[in-house]
């Protein structure tokens, strides 16, 4: 009895590959990638790792089920895009001497504080898993 596990990753702000371990077997998931794995029926352990940061989830595969698991960072994507955009605009403004260079530098320090908290303090819950199960109609 076999079920399917589909691992997905959105185009997120982490530019490196995530290493996903399914019951100890390693798979590499790049940006905007997906991976389909056939698994026997039963409970399986997913572990996503990137350097010292990780996240873990247990899934229960039933016969003919298709589990789709989206793996993403615990930090919202909007945080990365807005933060980088605002800091970039402030740095450009400082290049033209419209504002002092200390403003974008200070904002950059403030921007990195939540990232460091996630990476250092919440390192075992760095990744989030959004799971959906579909059963094919026979």
Protein backbone atom coordinates (compact mmCIF):
# COMPACT_ATOMS: atom_id res chain seq x y z
CA UNK A 1 0.00 0.00 0.00
CA UNK A 2 1.49 3.25 -1.19
CA UNK A 3 0.64 6.92 -0.84
CA UNK A 4 2.27 10.00 -2.36
CA UNK A 5 4.02 12.90 -0.67
CA UNK A 6 4.54 16.06 -2.68
CA UNK A 7 6.99 18.53 -1.17
CA UNK A 8 6.69 22.09 -2.47
CA UNK A 9 8.61 25.26 -1.93
CA UNK A 10 7.53 28.69 -3.00
CA UNK A 11 9.80 31.27 -4.48
CA UNK A 12 10.81 32.61 -1.09
CA UNK A 13 13.52 34.95 0.11
CA UNK A 14 15.86 32.12 1.11
CA UNK A 15 18.07 31.68 -1.93
CA UNK A 16 19.70 28.46 -0.78
CA UNK A 17 18.42 24.90 -0.99
CA UNK A 18 16.52 23.35 1.90
CA UNK A 19 17.48 19.83 2.88
CA UNK A 20 14.39 17.76 3.66
CA UNK A 21 14.68 14.45 5.47
CA UNK A 22 11.77 12.01 5.16
CA UNK A 23 12.30 9.20 7.67
CA UNK A 24 16.03 9.91 7.53
CA UNK A 25 16.33 9.92 3.72
CA UNK A 26 17.63 13.23 2.38
CA UNK A 27 16.09 15.27 -0.44
CA UNK A 28 17.14 18.71 -1.67
CA UNK A 29 14.47 21.30 -2.41
CA UNK A 30 15.48 24.40 -4.37
CA UNK A 31 13.48 27.63 -4.77
CA UNK A 32 10.16 27.22 -6.61
CA UNK A 33 10.70 23.46 -6.74
CA UNK A 34 8.51 20.48 -5.98
CA UNK A 35 9.30 16.85 -5.39
CA UNK A 36 7.05 13.76 -5.47
CA UNK A 37 7.88 10.79 -3.22
CA UNK A 38 6.08 7.44 -2.95
CA UNK A 39 5.78 6.38 0.68
CA UNK A 40 4.30 3.34 2.39
CA UNK A 41 1.14 3.75 4.46
CA UNK A 42 1.81 4.92 8.01
CA UNK A 43 3.32 7.78 9.97
CA UNK A 44 6.37 9.55 8.58
CA UNK A 45 8.67 12.24 9.99
CA UNK A 46 9.58 15.29 7.89
CA UNK A 47 12.57 17.40 8.91
CA UNK A 48 13.52 20.52 6.95
CA UNK A 49 17.01 21.92 7.59
CA UNK A 50 19.04 24.90 6.50
CA UNK A 51 22.33 25.25 8.38
CA UNK A 52 21.41 25.18 12.09
CA UNK A 53 17.75 26.10 11.51
CA UNK A 54 15.11 23.42 11.16
CA UNK A 55 11.44 22.51 11.37
CA UNK A 56 9.72 19.20 11.92
CA UNK A 57 6.33 17.66 11.10
CA UNK A 58 4.72 14.24 11.38
CA UNK A 59 2.40 13.14 8.59
CA UNK A 60 0.14 10.11 8.37
CA UNK A 61 -0.08 8.57 4.90
CA UNK A 62 -3.15 6.52 4.07
CA UNK A 63 -3.64 4.31 1.04
CA UNK A 64 -3.98 6.27 -2.22
CA UNK A 65 -3.72 9.64 -0.42
CA UNK A 66 -1.74 12.47 -1.93
CA UNK A 67 -0.20 14.68 0.76
CA UNK A 68 1.02 18.06 -0.46
CA UNK A 69 3.29 19.85 2.00
CA UNK A 70 4.38 23.44 1.39
CA UNK A 71 7.62 24.26 3.23
CA UNK A 72 8.33 27.91 3.96
CA UNK A 73 10.15 30.15 6.38
CA UNK A 74 8.39 31.21 9.57
CA UNK A 75 9.03 34.85 8.61
CA UNK A 76 6.39 36.21 6.23
CA UNK A 77 7.55 36.82 2.66
CA UNK A 78 6.25 40.36 2.86
CA UNK A 79 8.75 41.09 5.65
CA UNK A 80 11.67 40.33 3.32
CA UNK A 81 10.37 42.18 0.28
CA UNK A 82 9.19 45.31 2.07
CA UNK A 83 12.24 45.44 4.34
CA UNK A 84 14.76 45.07 1.54
CA UNK A 85 12.85 47.53 -0.66
CA UNK A 86 12.64 50.24 2.00
CA UNK A 87 16.26 49.86 3.06
CA UNK A 88 17.40 49.95 -0.58
CA UNK A 89 15.46 53.17 -1.23
CA UNK A 90 16.94 54.78 1.87
CA UNK A 91 20.46 53.81 0.83
CA UNK A 92 19.91 55.32 -2.63
CA UNK A 93 18.58 58.48 -0.97
CA UNK A 94 21.69 58.59 1.21
CA UNK A 95 23.93 58.24 -1.88
CA UNK A 96 22.40 61.43 -3.24
CA UNK A 97 22.83 63.01 0.20
CA UNK A 98 19.09 63.50 0.63
CA UNK A 99 19.25 61.87 4.06
CA UNK A 100 22.14 61.03 6.39
CA UNK A 101 23.62 57.56 5.88
CA UNK A 102 22.92 56.72 9.51
CA UNK A 103 19.14 56.33 8.80
CA UNK A 104 19.36 53.35 6.43
CA UNK A 105 22.13 51.83 8.56
CA UNK A 106 19.97 52.08 11.68
CA UNK A 107 16.96 50.63 9.85
CA UNK A 108 19.14 47.76 8.62
CA UNK A 109 20.09 46.91 12.22
CA UNK A 110 16.42 47.02 13.27
CA UNK A 111 15.48 44.88 10.25
CA UNK A 112 17.93 42.13 11.24
CA UNK A 113 16.79 41.82 14.87
CA UNK A 114 13.68 39.64 14.11
CA UNK A 115 15.71 37.59 11.63
CA UNK A 116 18.35 36.86 14.26
CA UNK A 117 15.69 35.98 16.82
CA UNK A 118 14.17 33.45 14.40
CA UNK A 119 17.54 31.99 13.37
CA UNK A 120 19.09 31.79 16.84
CA UNK A 121 16.32 31.52 19.42
CA UNK A 122 13.56 29.79 17.42
CA UNK A 123 15.97 27.68 15.38
CA UNK A 124 13.98 24.44 15.74
CA UNK A 125 10.77 26.06 14.48
CA UNK A 126 12.30 28.08 11.63
CA UNK A 127 10.26 26.33 8.93
CA UNK A 128 6.47 26.10 8.72
CA UNK A 129 4.56 23.33 6.96
CA UNK A 130 1.19 23.81 5.27
CA UNK A 131 -0.29 20.41 4.52
CA UNK A 132 -3.21 19.39 2.33
CA UNK A 133 -4.51 15.88 1.69
CA UNK A 134 -6.40 14.79 -1.40
CA UNK A 135 -7.89 11.38 -2.05
CA UNK A 136 -8.34 10.43 -5.71
CA UNK A 137 -11.88 9.50 -6.72
CA UNK A 138 -12.09 5.97 -8.08
